[in-house]
Amino acid sequence: MNRNREFEIRGVNHVALVCKDMARTVEFYRDVLGMPLTKTIDLPNNMGQHFFFDIGNGDSLAFFWFPDAQEGIPGVSAPTTLPGQGGLASAHGSMNHLAFDVPPEKFDEYCERLKAKGVAVSAISNHDNSPRQISPTVTDDVFVRSIYFFDPDGALLEFAAWTKPLGPQDIAHEAARADGTRSVNLVLNPDGTPREPGRRVAEPAE
């Protein structure tokens, strides 16, 4: 059996794609393909949204929605800089980045190992639910730790380590539509709890 002798990569943490309409994406991946919605994020400063779907085995498929993203163009395949060093957006239908799941207890060691191998890496991101969504230290609110780097062809990669399980409290945002308006009762029930798949509440008439 083949075994990675350098890093204990446990599969794909998540693949992040860019969609044109988050509400339509939720309707397809959650309601058509049956992938549970596990985390919703409204990015700071009206940058857009980031939603996660469970694809099994602890792996996730994630989508960004950016209000000003370009239409998909062949060759516009990834961000131009590492997160925290410039723009994060990439085109509709593109793969924004591929995150490999790594053990949280080995995360810092793996960051140093990448640097020792001559890989240029981003600063460590301790993602939390604060207004800035990044903590300088690991706190009880941090849900995943990330470090980013490019492959030789410019694909943005990530080592990601979940630090706590996600729960219903992590589904907290309605989905953005292509025009920037928000869905109504697509993701959340009127009382703010996550909506069960297949129990659609009609949106109010315009």
C-alpha atoms as a PDB file:
ATOM      1  CA  MET A   1       0.000   0.000   0.000  1.00  0.00           C
ATOM      2  CA  ASN A   2       1.311   3.448  -0.955  1.00  0.00           C
ATOM      3  CA  ARG A   3       1.831   5.794   1.981  1.00  0.00           C
ATOM      4  CA  ASN A   4       2.758   9.452   2.179  1.00  0.00           C
ATOM      5  CA  ARG A   5       5.978   9.569   4.211  1.00  0.00           C
ATOM      6  CA  GLU A   6       6.111  13.375   4.430  1.00  0.00           C
ATOM      7  CA  PHE A   7       2.674  14.481   5.664  1.00  0.00           C
ATOM      8  CA  GLU A   8      -0.313  12.703   7.183  1.00  0.00           C
ATOM      9  CA  ILE A   9      -2.793  14.008   4.624  1.00  0.00           C
ATOM     10  CA  ARG A  10      -6.167  12.511   5.462  1.00  0.00           C
ATOM     11  CA  GLY A  11      -7.970  13.347   2.253  1.00  0.00           C
ATOM     12  CA  VAL A  12      -9.506  16.542   0.942  1.00  0.00           C
ATOM     13  CA  ASN A  13     -10.551  18.986   3.656  1.00  0.00           C
ATOM     14  CA  HIS A  14     -12.467  20.998   1.063  1.00  0.00           C
ATOM     15  CA  VAL A  15     -12.365  22.124  -2.552  1.00  0.00           C
ATOM     16  CA  ALA A  16     -13.424  25.753  -2.965  1.00  0.00           C
ATOM     17  CA  LEU A  17     -15.166  26.754  -6.187  1.00  0.00           C
ATOM     18  CA  VAL A  18     -16.695  30.078  -7.185  1.00  0.00           C
ATOM     19  CA  CYS A  19     -20.377  30.279  -8.057  1.00  0.00           C
ATOM     20  CA  LYS A  20     -22.453  32.973  -9.708  1.00  0.00           C
ATOM     21  CA  ASP A  21     -25.520  32.520  -7.461  1.00  0.00           C
ATOM     22  CA  MET A  22     -25.178  31.031  -3.961  1.00  0.00           C
ATOM     23  CA  ALA A  23     -28.896  30.411  -3.555  1.00  0.00           C
ATOM     24  CA  ARG A  24     -28.999  28.392  -6.794  1.00  0.00           C
ATOM     25  CA  THR A  25     -25.893  26.517  -5.618  1.00  0.00           C
ATOM     26  CA  VAL A  26     -27.566  25.610  -2.295  1.00  0.00           C
ATOM     27  CA  GLU A  27     -30.655  24.427  -4.154  1.00  0.00           C
ATOM     28  CA  PHE A  28     -28.583  22.142  -6.400  1.00  0.00           C
ATOM     29  CA  TYR A  29     -25.943  20.710  -4.052  1.00  0.00           C
ATOM     30  CA  ARG A  30     -28.098  20.419  -0.921  1.00  0.00           C
ATOM     31  CA  ASP A  31     -31.533  19.751  -2.370  1.00  0.00           C
ATOM     32  CA  VAL A  32     -30.702  17.937  -5.643  1.00  0.00           C
ATOM     33  CA  LEU A  33     -27.488  16.092  -4.779  1.00  0.00           C
ATOM     34  CA  GLY A  34     -28.292  15.714  -1.076  1.00  0.00           C
ATOM     35  CA  MET A  35     -25.068  17.192   0.329  1.00  0.00           C
ATOM     36  CA  PRO A  36     -25.729  18.595   3.838  1.00  0.00           C
ATOM     37  CA  LEU A  37     -24.943  22.300   4.280  1.00  0.00           C
ATOM     38  CA  THR A  38     -22.521  22.491   7.223  1.00  0.00           C
ATOM     39  CA  LYS A  39     -21.157  26.054   7.428  1.00  0.00           C
ATOM     40  CA  THR A  40     -22.226  29.455   6.087  1.00  0.00           C
ATOM     41  CA  ILE A  41     -20.015  32.536   6.205  1.00  0.00           C
ATOM     42  CA  ASP A  42     -20.733  36.138   5.242  1.00  0.00           C
ATOM     43  CA  LEU A  43     -17.270  37.498   4.423  1.00  0.00           C
ATOM     44  CA  PRO A  44     -16.272  40.797   6.061  1.00  0.00           C
ATOM     45  CA  ASN A  45     -16.611  44.165   4.308  1.00  0.00           C
ATOM     46  CA  ASN A  46     -19.289  42.819   1.911  1.00  0.00           C
ATOM     47  CA  MET A  47     -16.682  40.702   0.134  1.00  0.00           C
ATOM     48  CA  GLY A  48     -19.195  37.905  -0.507  1.00  0.00           C
ATOM     49  CA  GLN A  49     -20.004  34.511   0.988  1.00  0.00           C
ATOM     50  CA  HIS A  50     -18.372  31.136   1.663  1.00  0.00           C
ATOM     51  CA  PHE A  51     -20.620  28.058   2.133  1.00  0.00           C
ATOM     52  CA  PHE A  52     -19.542  24.460   2.904  1.00  0.00           C
ATOM     53  CA  PHE A  53     -21.242  21.173   1.964  1.00  0.00           C
ATOM     54  CA  ASP A  54     -20.515  17.705   3.431  1.00  0.00           C
ATOM     55  CA  ILE A  55     -19.374  15.318   0.679  1.00  0.00           C
ATOM     56  CA  GLY A  56     -18.732  12.386   3.038  1.00  0.00           C
ATOM     57  CA  ASN A  57     -15.781  10.987   4.978  1.00  0.00           C
ATOM     58  CA  GLY A  58     -15.372  14.313   6.762  1.00  0.00           C
ATOM     59  CA  ASP A  59     -14.621  16.058   3.437  1.00  0.00           C
ATOM     60  CA  SER A  60     -16.293  19.222   2.173  1.00  0.00           C
ATOM     61  CA  LEU A  61     -17.071  20.998  -1.055  1.00  0.00           C
ATOM     62  CA  ALA A  62     -17.110  24.764  -0.588  1.00  0.00           C
ATOM     63  CA  PHE A  63     -18.245  27.655  -2.752  1.00  0.00           C
ATOM     64  CA  PHE A  64     -17.411  31.327  -2.737  1.00  0.00           C
ATOM     65  CA  TRP A  65     -19.844  33.939  -4.034  1.00  0.00           C
ATOM     66  CA  PHE A  66     -18.235  37.304  -4.855  1.00  0.00           C
ATOM     67  CA  PRO A  67     -20.556  40.186  -5.826  1.00  0.00           C
ATOM     68  CA  ASP A  68     -18.144  41.507  -8.467  1.00  0.00           C
ATOM     69  CA  ALA A  69     -16.586  38.263  -9.741  1.00  0.00           C
ATOM     70  CA  GLN A  70     -15.925  38.052 -13.457  1.00  0.00           C
ATOM     71  CA  GLU A  71     -17.719  35.613 -15.690  1.00  0.00           C
ATOM     72  CA  GLY A  72     -15.800  32.364 -16.122  1.00  0.00           C
ATOM     73  CA  ILE A  73     -13.060  32.634 -18.757  1.00  0.00           C
ATOM     74  CA  PRO A  74     -10.785  29.709 -19.660  1.00  0.00           C
ATOM     75  CA  GLY A  75      -7.344  30.395 -18.194  1.00  0.00           C
ATOM     76  CA  VAL A  76      -8.588  32.578 -15.332  1.00  0.00           C
ATOM     77  CA  SER A  77      -8.155  29.670 -12.971  1.00  0.00           C
ATOM     78  CA  ALA A  78      -6.929  30.876  -9.588  1.00  0.00           C
ATOM     79  CA  PRO A  79      -6.249  33.954  -7.447  1.00  0.00           C
ATOM     80  CA  THR A  80      -3.066  35.852  -8.274  1.00  0.00           C
ATOM     81  CA  THR A  81      -1.779  36.093  -4.685  1.00  0.00           C
ATOM     82  CA  LEU A  82      -1.898  34.120  -1.465  1.00  0.00           C
ATOM     83  CA  PRO A  83      -4.778  34.996   0.914  1.00  0.00           C
ATOM     84  CA  GLY A  84      -3.885  38.027   2.990  1.00  0.00           C
ATOM     85  CA  GLN A  85      -1.547  39.346   0.281  1.00  0.00           C
ATOM     86  CA  GLY A  86      -4.073  40.650  -2.234  1.00  0.00           C
ATOM     87  CA  GLY A  87      -7.370  39.826  -3.903  1.00  0.00           C
ATOM     88  CA  LEU A  88      -9.107  36.534  -3.119  1.00  0.00           C
ATOM     89  CA  ALA A  89     -11.637  36.452  -5.967  1.00  0.00           C
ATOM     90  CA  SER A  90     -11.471  34.191  -8.994  1.00  0.00           C
ATOM     91  CA  ALA A  91     -13.958  33.673 -11.821  1.00  0.00           C
ATOM     92  CA  HIS A  92     -17.311  31.877 -11.744  1.00  0.00           C
ATOM     93  CA  GLY A  93     -16.799  28.141 -12.155  1.00  0.00           C
ATOM     94  CA  SER A  94     -13.123  28.302 -11.264  1.00  0.00           C
ATOM     95  CA  MET A  95     -11.403  26.307  -8.549  1.00  0.00           C
ATOM     96  CA  ASN A  96     -10.377  28.950  -6.043  1.00  0.00           C
ATOM     97  CA  HIS A  97      -8.239  26.585  -3.951  1.00  0.00           C
ATOM     98  CA  LEU A  98      -7.877  22.956  -2.895  1.00  0.00           C
ATOM     99  CA  ALA A  99      -7.531  22.307   0.837  1.00  0.00           C
ATOM    100  CA  PHE A 100      -5.925  19.139   2.185  1.00  0.00           C
ATOM    101  CA  ASP A 101      -7.088  18.012   5.611  1.00  0.00           C
ATOM    102  CA  VAL A 102      -4.269  17.635   8.138  1.00  0.00           C
ATOM    103  CA  PRO A 103      -4.327  16.725  11.857  1.00  0.00           C
ATOM    104  CA  PRO A 104      -4.647  19.785  14.111  1.00  0.00           C
ATOM    105  CA  GLU A 105      -1.899  18.507  16.420  1.00  0.00           C
ATOM    106  CA  LYS A 106       0.531  18.437  13.460  1.00  0.00           C
ATOM    107  CA  PHE A 107      -0.526  21.704  11.822  1.00  0.00           C
ATOM    108  CA  ASP A 108       2.318  23.910  13.103  1.00  0.00           C
ATOM    109  CA  GLU A 109       4.897  21.200  12.396  1.00  0.00           C
ATOM    110  CA  TYR A 110       3.615  20.889   8.827  1.00  0.00           C
ATOM    111  CA  CYS A 111       3.798  24.655   8.287  1.00  0.00           C
ATOM    112  CA  GLU A 112       7.466  24.585   9.271  1.00  0.00           C
ATOM    113  CA  ARG A 113       8.082  21.519   7.108  1.00  0.00           C
ATOM    114  CA  LEU A 114       6.697  23.308   4.044  1.00  0.00           C
ATOM    115  CA  LYS A 115       8.980  26.273   4.697  1.00  0.00           C
ATOM    116  CA  ALA A 116      11.970  23.948   5.151  1.00  0.00           C
ATOM    117  CA  LYS A 117      11.217  22.506   1.720  1.00  0.00           C
ATOM    118  CA  GLY A 118      11.460  25.981   0.197  1.00  0.00           C
ATOM    119  CA  VAL A 119       7.705  26.468  -0.285  1.00  0.00           C
ATOM    120  CA  ALA A 120       6.524  30.075  -0.021  1.00  0.00           C
ATOM    121  CA  VAL A 121       3.548  30.045   2.361  1.00  0.00           C
ATOM    122  CA  SER A 122       1.026  32.543   3.662  1.00  0.00           C
ATOM    123  CA  ALA A 123       0.744  33.576   7.269  1.00  0.00           C
ATOM    124  CA  ILE A 124      -1.275  31.130   9.370  1.00  0.00           C
ATOM    125  CA  SER A 125      -4.988  31.963   9.404  1.00  0.00           C
ATOM    126  CA  ASN A 126      -6.905  31.000  12.544  1.00  0.00           C
ATOM    127  CA  HIS A 127     -10.451  31.351  11.180  1.00  0.00           C
ATOM    128  CA  ASP A 128     -13.065  32.391  13.757  1.00  0.00           C
ATOM    129  CA  ASN A 129     -16.472  34.095  13.891  1.00  0.00           C
ATOM    130  CA  SER A 130     -15.205  37.550  14.894  1.00  0.00           C
ATOM    131  CA  PRO A 131     -15.890  40.570  12.624  1.00  0.00           C
ATOM    132  CA  ARG A 132     -12.399  40.219  11.086  1.00  0.00           C
ATOM    133  CA  GLN A 133     -12.785  36.393  10.958  1.00  0.00           C
ATOM    134  CA  ILE A 134      -9.100  35.827  11.788  1.00  0.00           C
ATOM    135  CA  SER A 135      -7.632  35.395  15.268  1.00  0.00           C
ATOM    136  CA  PRO A 136      -3.940  35.983  16.026  1.00  0.00           C
ATOM    137  CA  THR A 137      -4.064  32.967  18.364  1.00  0.00           C
ATOM    138  CA  VAL A 138      -6.051  29.742  18.629  1.00  0.00           C
ATOM    139  CA  THR A 139      -9.111  30.471  20.774  1.00  0.00           C
ATOM    140  CA  ASP A 140     -12.286  28.535  21.580  1.00  0.00           C
ATOM    141  CA  ASP A 141     -13.966  30.390  18.678  1.00  0.00           C
ATOM    142  CA  VAL A 142     -11.450  29.225  16.030  1.00  0.00           C
ATOM    143  CA  PHE A 143     -13.048  26.502  13.892  1.00  0.00           C
ATOM    144  CA  VAL A 144     -10.287  25.829  11.344  1.00  0.00           C
ATOM    145  CA  ARG A 145      -6.599  26.731  10.898  1.00  0.00           C
ATOM    146  CA  SER A 146      -5.193  27.322   7.414  1.00  0.00           C
ATOM    147  CA  ILE A 147      -1.959  27.952   5.576  1.00  0.00           C
ATOM    148  CA  TYR A 148      -1.883  28.589   1.821  1.00  0.00           C
ATOM    149  CA  PHE A 149       0.652  27.997  -0.952  1.00  0.00           C
ATOM    150  CA  PHE A 150       0.783  27.616  -4.744  1.00  0.00           C
ATOM    151  CA  ASP A 151       1.659  24.536  -6.764  1.00  0.00           C
ATOM    152  CA  PRO A 152       4.126  24.943  -9.668  1.00  0.00           C
ATOM    153  CA  ASP A 153       1.311  25.773 -12.101  1.00  0.00           C
ATOM    154  CA  GLY A 154      -0.269  28.410  -9.872  1.00  0.00           C
ATOM    155  CA  ALA A 155      -3.093  26.355  -8.325  1.00  0.00           C
ATOM    156  CA  LEU A 156      -3.780  27.661  -4.827  1.00  0.00           C
ATOM    157  CA  LEU A 157      -3.473  24.906  -2.206  1.00  0.00           C
ATOM    158  CA  GLU A 158      -4.172  24.864   1.519  1.00  0.00           C
ATOM    159  CA  PHE A 159      -3.361  22.743   4.550  1.00  0.00           C
ATOM    160  CA  ALA A 160      -6.456  22.966   6.756  1.00  0.00           C
ATOM    161  CA  ALA A 161      -7.079  21.567  10.231  1.00  0.00           C
ATOM    162  CA  TRP A 162     -10.539  21.619  11.805  1.00  0.00           C
ATOM    163  CA  THR A 163     -10.258  22.537  15.481  1.00  0.00           C
ATOM    164  CA  LYS A 164     -13.818  21.771  16.574  1.00  0.00           C
ATOM    165  CA  PRO A 165     -16.938  20.129  15.187  1.00  0.00           C
ATOM    166  CA  LEU A 166     -19.463  22.278  13.348  1.00  0.00           C
ATOM    167  CA  GLY A 167     -23.091  22.407  14.486  1.00  0.00           C
ATOM    168  CA  PRO A 168     -26.446  24.051  13.682  1.00  0.00           C
ATOM    169  CA  GLN A 169     -25.164  27.387  15.044  1.00  0.00           C
ATOM    170  CA  ASP A 170     -22.762  27.506  12.089  1.00  0.00           C
ATOM    171  CA  ILE A 171     -25.657  27.850   9.605  1.00  0.00           C
ATOM    172  CA  ALA A 172     -26.474  31.524  10.088  1.00  0.00           C
ATOM    173  CA  HIS A 173     -26.748  33.320   6.733  1.00  0.00           C
ATOM    174  CA  GLU A 174     -29.178  33.414   3.829  1.00  0.00           C
ATOM    175  CA  ALA A 175     -27.620  32.822   0.417  1.00  0.00           C
ATOM    176  CA  ALA A 176     -26.735  35.651  -1.973  1.00  0.00           C
ATOM    177  CA  ARG A 177     -28.304  35.658  -5.419  1.00  0.00           C
ATOM    178  CA  ALA A 178     -26.464  36.762  -8.576  1.00  0.00           C
ATOM    179  CA  ASP A 179     -27.728  40.342  -8.159  1.00  0.00           C
ATOM    180  CA  GLY A 180     -26.583  40.532  -4.519  1.00  0.00           C
ATOM    181  CA  THR A 181     -30.030  40.169  -2.931  1.00  0.00           C
ATOM    182  CA  ARG A 182     -30.481  37.466  -0.294  1.00  0.00           C
ATOM    183  CA  SER A 183     -32.692  34.421  -0.469  1.00  0.00           C
ATOM    184  CA  VAL A 184     -35.566  34.243   2.011  1.00  0.00           C
ATOM    185  CA  ASN A 185     -36.188  31.037   3.990  1.00  0.00           C
ATOM    186  CA  LEU A 186     -33.936  29.006   1.684  1.00  0.00           C
ATOM    187  CA  VAL A 187     -31.154  28.384   4.213  1.00  0.00           C
ATOM    188  CA  LEU A 188     -32.894  29.479   7.420  1.00  0.00           C
ATOM    189  CA  ASN A 189     -36.397  29.009   8.767  1.00  0.00           C
ATOM    190  CA  PRO A 190     -38.298  32.180   9.781  1.00  0.00           C
ATOM    191  CA  ASP A 191     -37.147  31.553  13.381  1.00  0.00           C
ATOM    192  CA  GLY A 192     -33.472  31.572  12.279  1.00  0.00           C
ATOM    193  CA  THR A 193     -32.865  27.818  12.618  1.00  0.00           C
ATOM    194  CA  PRO A 194     -31.357  25.896   9.671  1.00  0.00           C
ATOM    195  CA  ARG A 195     -34.015  24.757   7.201  1.00  0.00           C
ATOM    196  CA  GLU A 196     -34.350  21.005   6.632  1.00  0.00           C
ATOM    197  CA  PRO A 197     -33.835  19.873   3.012  1.00  0.00           C
ATOM    198  CA  GLY A 198     -37.071  19.367   1.132  1.00  0.00           C
ATOM    199  CA  ARG A 199     -39.098  21.717   3.383  1.00  0.00           C
ATOM    200  CA  ARG A 200     -39.016  24.794   1.203  1.00  0.00           C
ATOM    201  CA  VAL A 201     -40.733  27.947   2.484  1.00  0.00           C
ATOM    202  CA  ALA A 202     -41.820  30.125  -0.428  1.00  0.00           C
ATOM    203  CA  GLU A 203     -40.107  33.469  -0.799  1.00  0.00           C
ATOM    204  CA  PRO A 204     -42.382  36.536  -0.592  1.00  0.00           C
ATOM    205  CA  ALA A 205     -43.626  37.871  -3.927  1.00  0.00           C
ATOM    206  CA  GLU A 206     -41.635  40.837  -5.226  1.00  0.00           C
END
